Amino acid sequence: MKSEKEIAEFYDRLKEQLINDTAWPSEYYYKFIIPASLEKIAEIEAIFDNTNAIITTRDSKTGKYTSLSIKVKLDSPDSVIEKYMEVSKIEGVISL
């Protein structure tokens, strides 16, 4: 598990990259892998509720995992990071 310092440094680098490489507002693509669970999918969908996000899911061949691809228009790098931080609170989520 990463330390709080490592996590903060990651988000600082991500924010800097988003500021330098993207004109805002912009569409952003998220990709998450979760243990197959309708409850966890619903939790992630709730985070993106009222954002007009396009969310697609795909189950793994074994059915143990589900990938979620999310395309959403956001106003700023801070908005991108905010969503990552909200999703990271859900147990078992892997952000790609």
PDB file of N, CA and C in Angstrom:
ATOM      1  N   MET A   1       0.839  -1.184   0.000  1.00  0.00           N
ATOM      2  CA  MET A   1       0.000   0.000   0.000  1.00  0.00           C
ATOM      3  C   MET A   1       0.884   1.247   0.000  1.00  0.00           C
ATOM      4  N   LYS A   2       0.494   2.222  -0.784  1.00  0.00           N
ATOM      5  CA  LYS A   2       1.291   3.440  -0.910  1.00  0.00           C
ATOM      6  C   LYS A   2       1.060   4.362   0.277  1.00  0.00           C
ATOM      7  N   SER A   3       2.115   5.099   0.605  1.00  0.00           N
ATOM      8  CA  SER A   3       2.013   6.060   1.699  1.00  0.00           C
ATOM      9  C   SER A   3       1.231   7.289   1.223  1.00  0.00           C
ATOM     10  N   GLU A   4       0.770   8.073   2.174  1.00  0.00           N
ATOM     11  CA  GLU A   4       0.036   9.303   1.830  1.00  0.00           C
ATOM     12  C   GLU A   4       0.918  10.242   1.015  1.00  0.00           C
ATOM     13  N   LYS A   5       2.207  10.273   1.327  1.00  0.00           N
ATOM     14  CA  LYS A   5       3.144  11.128   0.595  1.00  0.00           C
ATOM     15  C   LYS A   5       3.240  10.689  -0.868  1.00  0.00           C
ATOM     16  N   GLU A   6       3.365   9.384  -1.091  1.00  0.00           N
ATOM     17  CA  GLU A   6       3.445   8.863  -2.457  1.00  0.00           C
ATOM     18  C   GLU A   6       2.169   9.161  -3.239  1.00  0.00           C
ATOM     19  N   ILE A   7       1.041   9.024  -2.597  1.00  0.00           N
ATOM     20  CA  ILE A   7      -0.241   9.304  -3.245  1.00  0.00           C
ATOM     21  C   ILE A   7      -0.335  10.788  -3.595  1.00  0.00           C
ATOM     22  N   ALA A   8       0.038  11.655  -2.660  1.00  0.00           N
ATOM     23  CA  ALA A   8      -0.003  13.097  -2.910  1.00  0.00           C
ATOM     24  C   ALA A   8       0.926  13.477  -4.059  1.00  0.00           C
ATOM     25  N   GLU A   9       2.113  12.873  -4.085  1.00  0.00           N
ATOM     26  CA  GLU A   9       3.061  13.154  -5.166  1.00  0.00           C
ATOM     27  C   GLU A   9       2.516  12.691  -6.512  1.00  0.00           C
ATOM     28  N   PHE A  10       1.853  11.528  -6.526  1.00  0.00           N
ATOM     29  CA  PHE A  10       1.246  11.028  -7.762  1.00  0.00           C
ATOM     30  C   PHE A  10       0.210  12.022  -8.285  1.00  0.00           C
ATOM     31  N   TYR A  11      -0.680  12.480  -7.410  1.00  0.00           N
ATOM     32  CA  TYR A  11      -1.727  13.403  -7.841  1.00  0.00           C
ATOM     33  C   TYR A  11      -1.150  14.764  -8.247  1.00  0.00           C
ATOM     34  N   ASP A  12      -0.080  15.199  -7.603  1.00  0.00           N
ATOM     35  CA  ASP A  12       0.586  16.441  -8.004  1.00  0.00           C
ATOM     36  C   ASP A  12       1.144  16.319  -9.418  1.00  0.00           C
ATOM     37  N   ARG A  13       1.796  15.183  -9.711  1.00  0.00           N
ATOM     38  CA  ARG A  13       2.344  14.960 -11.059  1.00  0.00           C
ATOM     39  C   ARG A  13       1.223  14.877 -12.090  1.00  0.00           C
ATOM     40  N   LEU A  14       0.146  14.176 -11.747  1.00  0.00           N
ATOM     41  CA  LEU A  14      -0.990  14.059 -12.659  1.00  0.00           C
ATOM     42  C   LEU A  14      -1.585  15.432 -12.954  1.00  0.00           C
ATOM     43  N   LYS A  15      -1.764  16.236 -11.918  1.00  0.00           N
ATOM     44  CA  LYS A  15      -2.334  17.572 -12.110  1.00  0.00           C
ATOM     45  C   LYS A  15      -1.451  18.408 -13.027  1.00  0.00           C
ATOM     46  N   GLU A  16      -0.158  18.381 -12.800  1.00  0.00           N
ATOM     47  CA  GLU A  16       0.779  19.136 -13.627  1.00  0.00           C
ATOM     48  C   GLU A  16       0.697  18.687 -15.084  1.00  0.00           C
ATOM     49  N   GLN A  17       0.636  17.384 -15.290  1.00  0.00           N
ATOM     50  CA  GLN A  17       0.537  16.844 -16.646  1.00  0.00           C
ATOM     51  C   GLN A  17      -0.773  17.274 -17.307  1.00  0.00           C
ATOM     52  N   LEU A  18      -1.869  17.211 -16.576  1.00  0.00           N
ATOM     53  CA  LEU A  18      -3.159  17.609 -17.126  1.00  0.00           C
ATOM     54  C   LEU A  18      -3.193  19.101 -17.460  1.00  0.00           C
ATOM     55  N   ILE A  19      -2.572  19.906 -16.633  1.00  0.00           N
ATOM     56  CA  ILE A  19      -2.515  21.354 -16.891  1.00  0.00           C
ATOM     57  C   ILE A  19      -1.740  21.628 -18.174  1.00  0.00           C
ATOM     58  N   ASN A  20      -0.615  20.929 -18.335  1.00  0.00           N
ATOM     59  CA  ASN A  20       0.273  21.183 -19.470  1.00  0.00           C
ATOM     60  C   ASN A  20      -0.217  20.574 -20.787  1.00  0.00           C
ATOM     61  N   ASP A  21      -0.960  19.477 -20.718  1.00  0.00           N
ATOM     62  CA  ASP A  21      -1.289  18.724 -21.932  1.00  0.00           C
ATOM     63  C   ASP A  21      -2.730  18.854 -22.412  1.00  0.00           C
ATOM     64  N   THR A  22      -3.594  19.518 -21.640  1.00  0.00           N
ATOM     65  CA  THR A  22      -5.013  19.499 -21.964  1.00  0.00           C
ATOM     66  C   THR A  22      -5.615  20.887 -21.864  1.00  0.00           C
ATOM     67  N   ALA A  23      -6.493  21.203 -22.813  1.00  0.00           N
ATOM     68  CA  ALA A  23      -7.268  22.453 -22.750  1.00  0.00           C
ATOM     69  C   ALA A  23      -8.568  22.141 -22.016  1.00  0.00           C
ATOM     70  N   TRP A  24      -8.872  22.914 -21.005  1.00  0.00           N
ATOM     71  CA  TRP A  24     -10.050  22.661 -20.158  1.00  0.00           C
ATOM     72  C   TRP A  24     -11.160  23.634 -20.457  1.00  0.00           C
ATOM     73  N   PRO A  25     -12.421  23.213 -20.377  1.00  0.00           N
ATOM     74  CA  PRO A  25     -12.916  21.871 -20.042  1.00  0.00           C
ATOM     75  C   PRO A  25     -12.580  20.873 -21.147  1.00  0.00           C
ATOM     76  N   SER A  26     -12.531  19.591 -20.766  1.00  0.00           N
ATOM     77  CA  SER A  26     -12.136  18.544 -21.697  1.00  0.00           C
ATOM     78  C   SER A  26     -12.764  17.210 -21.305  1.00  0.00           C
ATOM     79  N   GLU A  27     -12.841  16.295 -22.300  1.00  0.00           N
ATOM     80  CA  GLU A  27     -13.270  14.939 -21.991  1.00  0.00           C
ATOM     81  C   GLU A  27     -12.097  14.191 -21.372  1.00  0.00           C
ATOM     82  N   TYR A  28     -12.407  13.361 -20.399  1.00  0.00           N
ATOM     83  CA  TYR A  28     -11.377  12.561 -19.740  1.00  0.00           C
ATOM     84  C   TYR A  28     -11.862  11.121 -19.697  1.00  0.00           C
ATOM     85  N   TYR A  29     -10.940  10.188 -19.881  1.00  0.00           N
ATOM     86  CA  TYR A  29     -11.265   8.766 -19.868  1.00  0.00           C
ATOM     87  C   TYR A  29     -10.683   8.112 -18.631  1.00  0.00           C
ATOM     88  N   TYR A  30     -11.545   7.493 -17.861  1.00  0.00           N
ATOM     89  CA  TYR A  30     -11.119   6.722 -16.699  1.00  0.00           C
ATOM     90  C   TYR A  30     -11.250   5.247 -17.046  1.00  0.00           C
ATOM     91  N   LYS A  31     -10.395   4.442 -16.432  1.00  0.00           N
ATOM     92  CA  LYS A  31     -10.502   2.995 -16.566  1.00  0.00           C
ATOM     93  C   LYS A  31     -10.248   2.398 -15.189  1.00  0.00           C
ATOM     94  N   PHE A  32     -11.190   1.589 -14.732  1.00  0.00           N
ATOM     95  CA  PHE A  32     -11.078   0.945 -13.427  1.00  0.00           C
ATOM     96  C   PHE A  32     -11.314  -0.545 -13.575  1.00  0.00           C
ATOM     97  N   ILE A  33     -10.636  -1.335 -12.752  1.00  0.00           N
ATOM     98  CA  ILE A  33     -10.859  -2.769 -12.658  1.00  0.00           C
ATOM     99  C   ILE A  33     -11.323  -3.032 -11.228  1.00  0.00           C
ATOM    100  N   ILE A  34     -12.407  -3.791 -11.113  1.00  0.00           N
ATOM    101  CA  ILE A  34     -12.937  -4.101  -9.784  1.00  0.00           C
ATOM    102  C   ILE A  34     -13.300  -5.578  -9.705  1.00  0.00           C
ATOM    103  N   PRO A  35     -13.319  -6.143  -8.507  1.00  0.00           N
ATOM    104  CA  PRO A  35     -13.873  -7.479  -8.366  1.00  0.00           C
ATOM    105  C   PRO A  35     -15.336  -7.423  -8.809  1.00  0.00           C
ATOM    106  N   ALA A  36     -15.773  -8.432  -9.544  1.00  0.00           N
ATOM    107  CA  ALA A  36     -17.136  -8.437 -10.074  1.00  0.00           C
ATOM    108  C   ALA A  36     -18.137  -8.283  -8.927  1.00  0.00           C
ATOM    109  N   SER A  37     -18.857  -7.178  -8.945  1.00  0.00           N
ATOM    110  CA  SER A  37     -19.822  -6.876  -7.896  1.00  0.00           C
ATOM    111  C   SER A  37     -20.745  -5.768  -8.378  1.00  0.00           C
ATOM    112  N   LEU A  38     -22.029  -6.075  -8.452  1.00  0.00           N
ATOM    113  CA  LEU A  38     -22.987  -5.052  -8.868  1.00  0.00           C
ATOM    114  C   LEU A  38     -22.990  -3.883  -7.893  1.00  0.00           C
ATOM    115  N   GLU A  39     -22.728  -4.173  -6.630  1.00  0.00           N
ATOM    116  CA  GLU A  39     -22.697  -3.120  -5.614  1.00  0.00           C
ATOM    117  C   GLU A  39     -21.555  -2.134  -5.877  1.00  0.00           C
ATOM    118  N   LYS A  40     -20.378  -2.658  -6.202  1.00  0.00           N
ATOM    119  CA  LYS A  40     -19.224  -1.791  -6.471  1.00  0.00           C
ATOM    120  C   LYS A  40     -19.434  -0.994  -7.758  1.00  0.00           C
ATOM    121  N   ILE A  41     -20.025  -1.616  -8.760  1.00  0.00           N
ATOM    122  CA  ILE A  41     -20.335  -0.893  -9.999  1.00  0.00           C
ATOM    123  C   ILE A  41     -21.279   0.260  -9.683  1.00  0.00           C
ATOM    124  N   ALA A  42     -22.291  -0.011  -8.881  1.00  0.00           N
ATOM    125  CA  ALA A  42     -23.257   1.031  -8.513  1.00  0.00           C
ATOM    126  C   ALA A  42     -22.581   2.164  -7.734  1.00  0.00           C
ATOM    127  N   GLU A  43     -21.631   1.839  -6.877  1.00  0.00           N
ATOM    128  CA  GLU A  43     -20.912   2.870  -6.126  1.00  0.00           C
ATOM    129  C   GLU A  43     -20.135   3.792  -7.069  1.00  0.00           C
ATOM    130  N   ILE A  44     -19.465   3.202  -8.047  1.00  0.00           N
ATOM    131  CA  ILE A  44     -18.710   4.012  -9.007  1.00  0.00           C
ATOM    132  C   ILE A  44     -19.662   4.829  -9.872  1.00  0.00           C
ATOM    133  N   GLU A  45     -20.738   4.218 -10.330  1.00  0.00           N
ATOM    134  CA  GLU A  45     -21.720   4.958 -11.129  1.00  0.00           C
ATOM    135  C   GLU A  45     -22.278   6.141 -10.348  1.00  0.00           C
ATOM    136  N   ALA A  46     -22.486   5.986  -9.051  1.00  0.00           N
ATOM    137  CA  ALA A  46     -23.018   7.067  -8.218  1.00  0.00           C
ATOM    138  C   ALA A  46     -22.045   8.244  -8.154  1.00  0.00           C
ATOM    139  N   ILE A  47     -20.753   7.962  -8.175  1.00  0.00           N
ATOM    140  CA  ILE A  47     -19.753   9.024  -8.139  1.00  0.00           C
ATOM    141  C   ILE A  47     -19.840   9.888  -9.397  1.00  0.00           C
ATOM    142  N   PHE A  48     -20.196   9.268 -10.513  1.00  0.00           N
ATOM    143  CA  PHE A  48     -20.280   9.994 -11.782  1.00  0.00           C
ATOM    144  C   PHE A  48     -21.715  10.391 -12.131  1.00  0.00           C
ATOM    145  N   ASP A  49     -22.631  10.206 -11.184  1.00  0.00           N
ATOM    146  CA  ASP A  49     -24.027  10.592 -11.390  1.00  0.00           C
ATOM    147  C   ASP A  49     -24.119  12.097 -11.657  1.00  0.00           C
ATOM    148  N   ASN A  50     -25.009  12.478 -12.516  1.00  0.00           N
ATOM    149  CA  ASN A  50     -25.239  13.892 -12.872  1.00  0.00           C
ATOM    150  C   ASN A  50     -24.056  14.548 -13.572  1.00  0.00           C
ATOM    151  N   THR A  51     -23.202  13.750 -14.223  1.00  0.00           N
ATOM    152  CA  THR A  51     -22.071  14.320 -14.976  1.00  0.00           C
ATOM    153  C   THR A  51     -22.199  14.035 -16.473  1.00  0.00           C
ATOM    154  N   ASN A  52     -23.264  13.342 -16.865  1.00  0.00           N
ATOM    155  CA  ASN A  52     -23.449  12.903 -18.253  1.00  0.00           C
ATOM    156  C   ASN A  52     -22.327  11.975 -18.711  1.00  0.00           C
ATOM    157  N   ALA A  53     -21.738  11.252 -17.796  1.00  0.00           N
ATOM    158  CA  ALA A  53     -20.665  10.312 -18.121  1.00  0.00           C
ATOM    159  C   ALA A  53     -21.228   9.130 -18.899  1.00  0.00           C
ATOM    160  N   ILE A  54     -20.411   8.647 -19.830  1.00  0.00           N
ATOM    161  CA  ILE A  54     -20.739   7.418 -20.555  1.00  0.00           C
ATOM    162  C   ILE A  54     -19.925   6.314 -19.901  1.00  0.00           C
ATOM    163  N   ILE A  55     -20.630   5.349 -19.302  1.00  0.00           N
ATOM    164  CA  ILE A  55     -19.974   4.281 -18.557  1.00  0.00           C
ATOM    165  C   ILE A  55     -20.251   2.950 -19.247  1.00  0.00           C
ATOM    166  N   THR A  56     -19.179   2.234 -19.584  1.00  0.00           N
ATOM    167  CA  THR A  56     -19.330   0.903 -20.156  1.00  0.00           C
ATOM    168  C   THR A  56     -18.619  -0.093 -19.250  1.00  0.00           C
ATOM    169  N   THR A  57     -19.193  -1.276 -19.152  1.00  0.00           N
ATOM    170  CA  THR A  57     -18.602  -2.321 -18.321  1.00  0.00           C
ATOM    171  C   THR A  57     -18.312  -3.546 -19.180  1.00  0.00           C
ATOM    172  N   ARG A  58     -17.341  -4.301 -18.726  1.00  0.00           N
ATOM    173  CA  ARG A  58     -16.990  -5.534 -19.413  1.00  0.00           C
ATOM    174  C   ARG A  58     -16.465  -6.512 -18.381  1.00  0.00           C
ATOM    175  N   ASP A  59     -17.040  -7.703 -18.372  1.00  0.00           N
ATOM    176  CA  ASP A  59     -16.604  -8.729 -17.430  1.00  0.00           C
ATOM    177  C   ASP A  59     -15.380  -9.464 -17.974  1.00  0.00           C
ATOM    178  N   SER A  60     -14.528  -9.917 -17.060  1.00  0.00           N
ATOM    179  CA  SER A  60     -13.369 -10.717 -17.466  1.00  0.00           C
ATOM    180  C   SER A  60     -13.853 -12.084 -17.935  1.00  0.00           C
ATOM    181  N   LYS A  61     -12.976 -12.812 -18.608  1.00  0.00           N
ATOM    182  CA  LYS A  61     -13.344 -14.146 -19.120  1.00  0.00           C
ATOM    183  C   LYS A  61     -13.796 -15.072 -18.007  1.00  0.00           C
ATOM    184  N   THR A  62     -13.167 -14.950 -16.851  1.00  0.00           N
ATOM    185  CA  THR A  62     -13.514 -15.828 -15.732  1.00  0.00           C
ATOM    186  C   THR A  62     -14.708 -15.311 -14.935  1.00  0.00           C
ATOM    187  N   GLY A  63     -15.076 -14.045 -15.170  1.00  0.00           N
ATOM    188  CA  GLY A  63     -16.186 -13.458 -14.437  1.00  0.00           C
ATOM    189  C   GLY A  63     -15.818 -12.960 -13.055  1.00  0.00           C
ATOM    190  N   LYS A  64     -14.532 -13.007 -12.708  1.00  0.00           N
ATOM    191  CA  LYS A  64     -14.106 -12.569 -11.378  1.00  0.00           C
ATOM    192  C   LYS A  64     -13.962 -11.059 -11.284  1.00  0.00           C
ATOM    193  N   TYR A  65     -13.718 -10.402 -12.432  1.00  0.00           N
ATOM    194  CA  TYR A  65     -13.469  -8.968 -12.442  1.00  0.00           C
ATOM    195  C   TYR A  65     -14.338  -8.281 -13.485  1.00  0.00           C
ATOM    196  N   THR A  66     -14.538  -6.998 -13.274  1.00  0.00           N
ATOM    197  CA  THR A  66     -15.259  -6.162 -14.225  1.00  0.00           C
ATOM    198  C   THR A  66     -14.415  -4.925 -14.488  1.00  0.00           C
ATOM    199  N   SER A  67     -14.314  -4.540 -15.757  1.00  0.00           N
ATOM    200  CA  SER A  67     -13.639  -3.285 -16.077  1.00  0.00           C
ATOM    201  C   SER A  67     -14.700  -2.241 -16.372  1.00  0.00           C
ATOM    202  N   LEU A  68     -14.456  -1.050 -15.925  1.00  0.00           N
ATOM    203  CA  LEU A  68     -15.342   0.077 -16.198  1.00  0.00           C
ATOM    204  C   LEU A  68     -14.550   1.119 -16.964  1.00  0.00           C
ATOM    205  N   SER A  69     -15.083   1.518 -18.101  1.00  0.00           N
ATOM    206  CA  SER A  69     -14.518   2.614 -18.879  1.00  0.00           C
ATOM    207  C   SER A  69     -15.492   3.768 -18.772  1.00  0.00           C
ATOM    208  N   ILE A  70     -14.971   4.921 -18.405  1.00  0.00           N
ATOM    209  CA  ILE A  70     -15.828   6.076 -18.160  1.00  0.00           C
ATOM    210  C   ILE A  70     -15.304   7.260 -18.960  1.00  0.00           C
ATOM    211  N   LYS A  71     -16.177   7.817 -19.779  1.00  0.00           N
ATOM    212  CA  LYS A  71     -15.847   9.006 -20.572  1.00  0.00           C
ATOM    213  C   LYS A  71     -16.728  10.132 -20.051  1.00  0.00           C
ATOM    214  N   VAL A  72     -16.085  11.224 -19.608  1.00  0.00           N
ATOM    215  CA  VAL A  72     -16.837  12.310 -18.997  1.00  0.00           C
ATOM    216  C   VAL A  72     -16.157  13.642 -19.294  1.00  0.00           C
ATOM    217  N   LYS A  73     -16.953  14.671 -19.503  1.00  0.00           N
ATOM    218  CA  LYS A  73     -16.409  16.013 -19.713  1.00  0.00           C
ATOM    219  C   LYS A  73     -16.301  16.691 -18.349  1.00  0.00           C
ATOM    220  N   LEU A  74     -15.081  17.149 -18.044  1.00  0.00           N
ATOM    221  CA  LEU A  74     -14.826  17.798 -16.757  1.00  0.00           C
ATOM    222  C   LEU A  74     -14.232  19.176 -16.980  1.00  0.00           C
ATOM    223  N   ASP A  75     -14.351  20.014 -15.953  1.00  0.00           N
ATOM    224  CA  ASP A  75     -13.956  21.414 -16.059  1.00  0.00           C
ATOM    225  C   ASP A  75     -12.480  21.693 -15.816  1.00  0.00           C
ATOM    226  N   SER A  76     -11.809  20.811 -15.062  1.00  0.00           N
ATOM    227  CA  SER A  76     -10.432  21.145 -14.666  1.00  0.00           C
ATOM    228  C   SER A  76      -9.678  19.891 -14.216  1.00  0.00           C
ATOM    229  N   PRO A  77      -8.358  19.994 -14.121  1.00  0.00           N
ATOM    230  CA  PRO A  77      -7.571  18.887 -13.567  1.00  0.00           C
ATOM    231  C   PRO A  77      -8.003  18.536 -12.143  1.00  0.00           C
ATOM    232  N   ASP A  78      -8.396  19.528 -11.370  1.00  0.00           N
ATOM    233  CA  ASP A  78      -8.862  19.255 -10.006  1.00  0.00           C
ATOM    234  C   ASP A  78     -10.095  18.358 -10.014  1.00  0.00           C
ATOM    235  N   SER A  79     -10.978  18.538 -10.993  1.00  0.00           N
ATOM    236  CA  SER A  79     -12.170  17.695 -11.114  1.00  0.00           C
ATOM    237  C   SER A  79     -11.784  16.254 -11.407  1.00  0.00           C
ATOM    238  N   VAL A  80     -10.782  16.061 -12.255  1.00  0.00           N
ATOM    239  CA  VAL A  80     -10.297  14.713 -12.588  1.00  0.00           C
ATOM    240  C   VAL A  80      -9.779  14.034 -11.327  1.00  0.00           C
ATOM    241  N   ILE A  81      -8.943  14.727 -10.594  1.00  0.00           N
ATOM    242  CA  ILE A  81      -8.334  14.162  -9.392  1.00  0.00           C
ATOM    243  C   ILE A  81      -9.385  13.898  -8.318  1.00  0.00           C
ATOM    244  N   GLU A  82     -10.342  14.791  -8.208  1.00  0.00           N
ATOM    245  CA  GLU A  82     -11.423  14.604  -7.223  1.00  0.00           C
ATOM    246  C   GLU A  82     -12.149  13.285  -7.461  1.00  0.00           C
ATOM    247  N   LYS A  83     -12.446  12.980  -8.728  1.00  0.00           N
ATOM    248  CA  LYS A  83     -13.147  11.723  -9.041  1.00  0.00           C
ATOM    249  C   LYS A  83     -12.264  10.522  -8.722  1.00  0.00           C
ATOM    250  N   TYR A  84     -10.966  10.600  -9.064  1.00  0.00           N
ATOM    251  CA  TYR A  84     -10.055   9.504  -8.721  1.00  0.00           C
ATOM    252  C   TYR A  84     -10.046   9.264  -7.222  1.00  0.00           C
ATOM    253  N   MET A  85     -10.010  10.327  -6.452  1.00  0.00           N
ATOM    254  CA  MET A  85      -9.947  10.191  -4.997  1.00  0.00           C
ATOM    255  C   MET A  85     -11.242   9.589  -4.439  1.00  0.00           C
ATOM    256  N   GLU A  86     -12.372   9.966  -5.011  1.00  0.00           N
ATOM    257  CA  GLU A  86     -13.642   9.394  -4.559  1.00  0.00           C
ATOM    258  C   GLU A  86     -13.691   7.898  -4.857  1.00  0.00           C
ATOM    259  N   VAL A  87     -13.285   7.523  -6.072  1.00  0.00           N
ATOM    260  CA  VAL A  87     -13.320   6.109  -6.453  1.00  0.00           C
ATOM    261  C   VAL A  87     -12.327   5.301  -5.634  1.00  0.00           C
ATOM    262  N   SER A  88     -11.184   5.887  -5.302  1.00  0.00           N
ATOM    263  CA  SER A  88     -10.157   5.152  -4.555  1.00  0.00           C
ATOM    264  C   SER A  88     -10.626   4.727  -3.169  1.00  0.00           C
ATOM    265  N   LYS A  89     -11.685   5.311  -2.661  1.00  0.00           N
ATOM    266  CA  LYS A  89     -12.230   4.945  -1.365  1.00  0.00           C
ATOM    267  C   LYS A  89     -13.000   3.621  -1.406  1.00  0.00           C
ATOM    268  N   ILE A  90     -13.314   3.156  -2.623  1.00  0.00           N
ATOM    269  CA  ILE A  90     -14.041   1.900  -2.784  1.00  0.00           C
ATOM    270  C   ILE A  90     -13.031   0.753  -2.738  1.00  0.00           C
ATOM    271  N   GLU A  91     -13.267  -0.182  -1.841  1.00  0.00           N
ATOM    272  CA  GLU A  91     -12.320  -1.287  -1.642  1.00  0.00           C
ATOM    273  C   GLU A  91     -12.204  -2.154  -2.893  1.00  0.00           C
ATOM    274  N   GLY A  92     -10.961  -2.476  -3.253  1.00  0.00           N
ATOM    275  CA  GLY A  92     -10.699  -3.402  -4.347  1.00  0.00           C
ATOM    276  C   GLY A  92     -10.593  -2.780  -5.719  1.00  0.00           C
ATOM    277  N   VAL A  93     -10.726  -1.467  -5.831  1.00  0.00           N
ATOM    278  CA  VAL A  93     -10.673  -0.796  -7.130  1.00  0.00           C
ATOM    279  C   VAL A  93      -9.227  -0.592  -7.547  1.00  0.00           C
ATOM    280  N   ILE A  94      -8.943  -0.915  -8.814  1.00  0.00           N
ATOM    281  CA  ILE A  94      -7.642  -0.652  -9.411  1.00  0.00           C
ATOM    282  C   ILE A  94      -7.864   0.414 -10.477  1.00  0.00           C
ATOM    283  N   SER A  95      -7.146   1.521 -10.380  1.00  0.00           N
ATOM    284  CA  SER A  95      -7.233   2.589 -11.374  1.00  0.00           C
ATOM    285  C   SER A  95      -6.132   2.383 -12.401  1.00  0.00           C
ATOM    286  N   LEU A  96      -6.519   2.457 -13.654  1.00  0.00           N
ATOM    287  CA  LEU A  96      -5.516   2.310 -14.730  1.00  0.00           C
ATOM    288  C   LEU A  96      -5.287   3.654 -15.397  1.00  0.00           C
TER     289      LEU A  96
END
